[in-house]
C-alpha atoms as a PDB file:
ATOM      1  CA  ASN A   1      93.986 116.741  81.435  1.00  0.00           C
ATOM      2  CA  TYR A   2      95.751 114.793  84.574  1.00  0.00           C
ATOM      3  CA  THR A   3      99.194 113.730  83.641  1.00  0.00           C
ATOM      4  CA  VAL A   4     101.660 111.727  86.007  1.00  0.00           C
ATOM      5  CA  PRO A   5     105.084 112.817  85.365  1.00  0.00           C
ATOM      6  CA  PHE A   6     107.132 110.016  84.279  1.00  0.00           C
ATOM      7  CA  GLY A   7     110.194 109.197  87.128  1.00  0.00           C
ATOM      8  CA  GLN A   8     109.409 111.359  89.434  1.00  0.00           C
ATOM      9  CA  ALA A   9     107.823 110.089  92.870  1.00  0.00           C
ATOM     10  CA  ALA A  10     105.867 112.190  94.922  1.00  0.00           C
ATOM     11  CA  VAL A  11     106.073 112.254  99.017  1.00  0.00           C
ATOM     12  CA  ILE A  12     101.997 112.595  99.696  1.00  0.00           C
ATOM     13  CA  ARG A  13     102.857 112.291 103.354  1.00  0.00           C
ATOM     14  CA  PRO A  14     105.800 113.759 105.308  1.00  0.00           C
ATOM     15  CA  GLY A  15     107.014 112.266 108.224  1.00  0.00           C
ATOM     16  CA  ASP A  16     110.154 111.680 110.189  1.00  0.00           C
ATOM     17  CA  ASP A  17     109.900 108.071 111.861  1.00  0.00           C
ATOM     18  CA  ILE A  18     109.758 105.766 108.624  1.00  0.00           C
ATOM     19  CA  THR A  19     109.524 105.764 105.185  1.00  0.00           C
ATOM     20  CA  LEU A  20     106.740 103.707 103.590  1.00  0.00           C
ATOM     21  CA  VAL A  21     106.851 103.239  99.555  1.00  0.00           C
ATOM     22  CA  SER A  22     104.317 101.948  97.498  1.00  0.00           C
ATOM     23  CA  TYR A  23     102.960 102.323  94.271  1.00  0.00           C
ATOM     24  CA  SER A  24      99.550 101.995  92.538  1.00  0.00           C
ATOM     25  CA  ARG A  25      96.284 100.762  95.340  1.00  0.00           C
ATOM     26  CA  MET A  26      98.340 100.168  98.137  1.00  0.00           C
ATOM     27  CA  VAL A  27      99.112 103.686  98.187  1.00  0.00           C
ATOM     28  CA  HIS A  28      95.872 104.436  99.580  1.00  0.00           C
ATOM     29  CA  VAL A  29      96.013 101.303 102.218  1.00  0.00           C
ATOM     30  CA  THR A  30      99.939 102.992 103.065  1.00  0.00           C
ATOM     31  CA  MET A  31      98.107 106.313 103.437  1.00  0.00           C
ATOM     32  CA  GLU A  32      95.450 104.261 105.825  1.00  0.00           C
ATOM     33  CA  ALA A  33      98.562 102.278 107.658  1.00  0.00           C
ATOM     34  CA  ALA A  34     100.397 106.325 108.056  1.00  0.00           C
ATOM     35  CA  ARG A  35      96.937 107.333 109.811  1.00  0.00           C
ATOM     36  CA  THR A  36      97.132 104.655 112.307  1.00  0.00           C
ATOM     37  CA  LEU A  37     100.551 104.725 112.882  1.00  0.00           C
ATOM     38  CA  SER A  38     100.293 108.485 113.516  1.00  0.00           C
ATOM     39  CA  GLU A  39      97.724 107.587 116.245  1.00  0.00           C
ATOM     40  CA  LEU A  40     100.373 105.592 118.212  1.00  0.00           C
ATOM     41  CA  GLY A  41     103.156 108.679 117.516  1.00  0.00           C
ATOM     42  CA  ILE A  42     104.742 107.175 114.798  1.00  0.00           C
ATOM     43  CA  GLU A  43     105.107 109.974 111.862  1.00  0.00           C
ATOM     44  CA  ALA A  44     105.470 108.089 108.740  1.00  0.00           C
ATOM     45  CA  GLU A  45     106.596 109.464 105.210  1.00  0.00           C
ATOM     46  CA  VAL A  46     104.716 107.866 102.721  1.00  0.00           C
ATOM     47  CA  ILE A  47     106.171 108.131  98.831  1.00  0.00           C
ATOM     48  CA  ASP A  48     104.363 107.278  95.702  1.00  0.00           C
ATOM     49  CA  LEU A  49     106.385 105.740  93.082  1.00  0.00           C
ATOM     50  CA  ARG A  50     104.083 106.414  90.587  1.00  0.00           C
ATOM     51  CA  THR A  51     106.258 104.953  87.789  1.00  0.00           C
ATOM     52  CA  LEU A  52     108.459 102.100  88.248  1.00  0.00           C
ATOM     53  CA  ARG A  53     110.248 102.587  85.199  1.00  0.00           C
ATOM     54  CA  PRO A  54     112.363 105.414  85.108  1.00  0.00           C
ATOM     55  CA  LEU A  55     112.413 104.968  89.184  1.00  0.00           C
ATOM     56  CA  ASP A  56     112.634 107.586  90.778  1.00  0.00           C
ATOM     57  CA  ILE A  57     114.953 106.373  93.501  1.00  0.00           C
ATOM     58  CA  GLU A  58     116.882 109.696  94.883  1.00  0.00           C
ATOM     59  CA  THR A  59     113.164 110.900  96.241  1.00  0.00           C
ATOM     60  CA  VAL A  60     113.099 107.616  98.378  1.00  0.00           C
ATOM     61  CA  ILE A  61     116.692 107.721  99.532  1.00  0.00           C
ATOM     62  CA  GLU A  62     116.139 111.281 100.471  1.00  0.00           C
ATOM     63  CA  SER A  63     113.441 110.136 102.767  1.00  0.00           C
ATOM     64  CA  VAL A  64     115.389 107.190 103.963  1.00  0.00           C
ATOM     65  CA  GLN A  65     118.035 109.535 104.784  1.00  0.00           C
ATOM     66  CA  LYS A  66     115.793 111.701 107.064  1.00  0.00           C
ATOM     67  CA  THR A  67     113.830 108.825 108.875  1.00  0.00           C
ATOM     68  CA  GLY A  68     116.827 105.926 109.259  1.00  0.00           C
ATOM     69  CA  ARG A  69     113.456 102.893 108.055  1.00  0.00           C
ATOM     70  CA  ALA A  70     112.417 101.767 105.019  1.00  0.00           C
ATOM     71  CA  THR A  71     109.255  99.416 104.500  1.00  0.00           C
ATOM     72  CA  VAL A  72     108.199  99.313 100.873  1.00  0.00           C
ATOM     73  CA  VAL A  73     104.695  97.545 100.129  1.00  0.00           C
ATOM     74  CA  GLU A  74     103.737  96.439  97.336  1.00  0.00           C
ATOM     75  CA  GLU A  75     100.524  94.351  96.632  1.00  0.00           C
ATOM     76  CA  THR A  76     101.849  91.140  94.784  1.00  0.00           C
ATOM     77  CA  TRP A  77     103.682  88.603  96.777  1.00  0.00           C
ATOM     78  CA  LYS A  78     107.015  89.399  98.188  1.00  0.00           C
ATOM     79  CA  THR A  79     109.151  86.696  96.123  1.00  0.00           C
ATOM     80  CA  GLY A  80     110.146  87.965  92.693  1.00  0.00           C
ATOM     81  CA  GLY A  81     107.675  91.150  93.466  1.00  0.00           C
ATOM     82  CA  PHE A  82     109.241  94.553  92.686  1.00  0.00           C
ATOM     83  CA  ALA A  83     109.524  95.862  96.118  1.00  0.00           C
ATOM     84  CA  GLY A  84     112.256  93.672  96.578  1.00  0.00           C
ATOM     85  CA  GLU A  85     114.227  95.814  93.891  1.00  0.00           C
ATOM     86  CA  VAL A  86     113.248  98.529  95.767  1.00  0.00           C
ATOM     87  CA  ALA A  87     114.590  97.255  98.775  1.00  0.00           C
ATOM     88  CA  SER A  88     117.775  96.249  97.728  1.00  0.00           C
ATOM     89  CA  THR A  89     118.624  99.690  95.919  1.00  0.00           C
ATOM     90  CA  ILE A  90     117.579 101.545  99.419  1.00  0.00           C
ATOM     91  CA  GLN A  91     119.921  98.995 101.165  1.00  0.00           C
ATOM     92  CA  GLU A  92     123.128 100.062  98.791  1.00  0.00           C
ATOM     93  CA  MET A  93     122.481 103.913  98.288  1.00  0.00           C
ATOM     94  CA  ALA A  94     120.988 104.175 102.053  1.00  0.00           C
ATOM     95  CA  PHE A  95     123.157 101.847 104.029  1.00  0.00           C
ATOM     96  CA  ASP A  96     124.668 104.248 106.219  1.00  0.00           C
ATOM     97  CA  HIS A  97     121.698 106.464 106.799  1.00  0.00           C
ATOM     98  CA  LEU A  98     119.502 102.824 107.993  1.00  0.00           C
ATOM     99  CA  ASP A  99     118.375 102.436 112.014  1.00  0.00           C
ATOM    100  CA  GLY A 100     117.173  98.672 110.843  1.00  0.00           C
ATOM    101  CA  PRO A 101     116.461  96.104 108.122  1.00  0.00           C
ATOM    102  CA  VAL A 102     113.995  97.886 104.972  1.00  0.00           C
ATOM    103  CA  GLY A 103     111.156  96.265 105.743  1.00  0.00           C
ATOM    104  CA  ARG A 104     108.734  94.541 102.710  1.00  0.00           C
ATOM    105  CA  VAL A 105     104.965  93.364 103.328  1.00  0.00           C
ATOM    106  CA  GLY A 106     103.487  91.959 100.338  1.00  0.00           C
ATOM    107  CA  GLY A 107     100.737  89.843  99.433  1.00  0.00           C
ATOM    108  CA  VAL A 108     100.754  86.698 100.712  1.00  0.00           C
ATOM    109  CA  GLU A 109     102.209  83.562  99.215  1.00  0.00           C
ATOM    110  CA  THR A 110      99.382  81.881  97.721  1.00  0.00           C
ATOM    111  CA  PRO A 111      97.337  81.899  94.466  1.00  0.00           C
ATOM    112  CA  THR A 112      95.365  85.226  94.283  1.00  0.00           C
ATOM    113  CA  PRO A 113      91.877  84.064  95.208  1.00  0.00           C
ATOM    114  CA  TYR A 114      88.810  84.945  92.739  1.00  0.00           C
ATOM    115  CA  ALA A 115      85.980  85.492  95.327  1.00  0.00           C
ATOM    116  CA  PHE A 116      85.734  89.044  96.436  1.00  0.00           C
ATOM    117  CA  ASN A 117      85.418  87.832  99.996  1.00  0.00           C
ATOM    118  CA  LEU A 118      88.480  86.078  99.821  1.00  0.00           C
ATOM    119  CA  GLU A 119      90.902  88.358  98.028  1.00  0.00           C
ATOM    120  CA  PRO A 120      91.062  91.066 101.599  1.00  0.00           C
ATOM    121  CA  ASN A 121      93.005  88.206 103.239  1.00  0.00           C
ATOM    122  CA  ALA A 122      95.497  87.637 100.082  1.00  0.00           C
ATOM    123  CA  ILE A 123      96.746  91.469  99.733  1.00  0.00           C
ATOM    124  CA  PRO A 124      98.045  93.610 102.144  1.00  0.00           C
ATOM    125  CA  SER A 125      95.850  95.494 104.568  1.00  0.00           C
ATOM    126  CA  SER A 126      96.735  98.587 106.593  1.00  0.00           C
ATOM    127  CA  GLY A 127      96.596  96.598 110.108  1.00  0.00           C
ATOM    128  CA  ARG A 128      99.383  93.984 108.408  1.00  0.00           C
ATOM    129  CA  ILE A 129     101.512  97.167 107.573  1.00  0.00           C
ATOM    130  CA  VAL A 130     100.962  98.925 111.324  1.00  0.00           C
ATOM    131  CA  GLU A 131     101.818  95.490 112.787  1.00  0.00           C
ATOM    132  CA  TYR A 132     104.859  94.978 110.805  1.00  0.00           C
ATOM    133  CA  VAL A 133     106.232  97.913 111.063  1.00  0.00           C
ATOM    134  CA  GLN A 134     106.062  97.333 115.240  1.00  0.00           C
ATOM    135  CA  MET A 135     107.451  94.249 114.497  1.00  0.00           C
ATOM    136  CA  LEU A 136     110.390  94.771 112.683  1.00  0.00           C
ATOM    137  CA  TYR A 137     111.427  98.343 114.370  1.00  0.00           C
ATOM    138  CA  GLY A 138     109.974  97.669 118.132  1.00  0.00           C
ATOM    139  CA  LEU A 139     108.187 101.128 117.430  1.00  0.00           C
END
């Protein structure tokens, strides 16, 4: 049996330049973005939250204290999404360690399409994450 410990995030890729926080399906997309960023000389630490309640914010804060930058990736819309809660908590608890704003990458603010060929345009891709990180932090 495989169990996920509640309230324990996992650092699934170490890095020193930026912390990328995600959960569920977006962890795989974020890992792909981290590999691309690495090719560009940017080493991203990737954190899989695994559970949202209880939320292991301590692991996230430790990472942000090390990297100085954070972007939260979520499949759903930015408006009203859980990434806003995570970003706000990072801002509150690690403000003095941040070298820039806490970023958020979310789905496009439209109804999610039912057509399989349109769905990739509505949810975050690794390319969108890389572009966003480069734009937000000038990396």
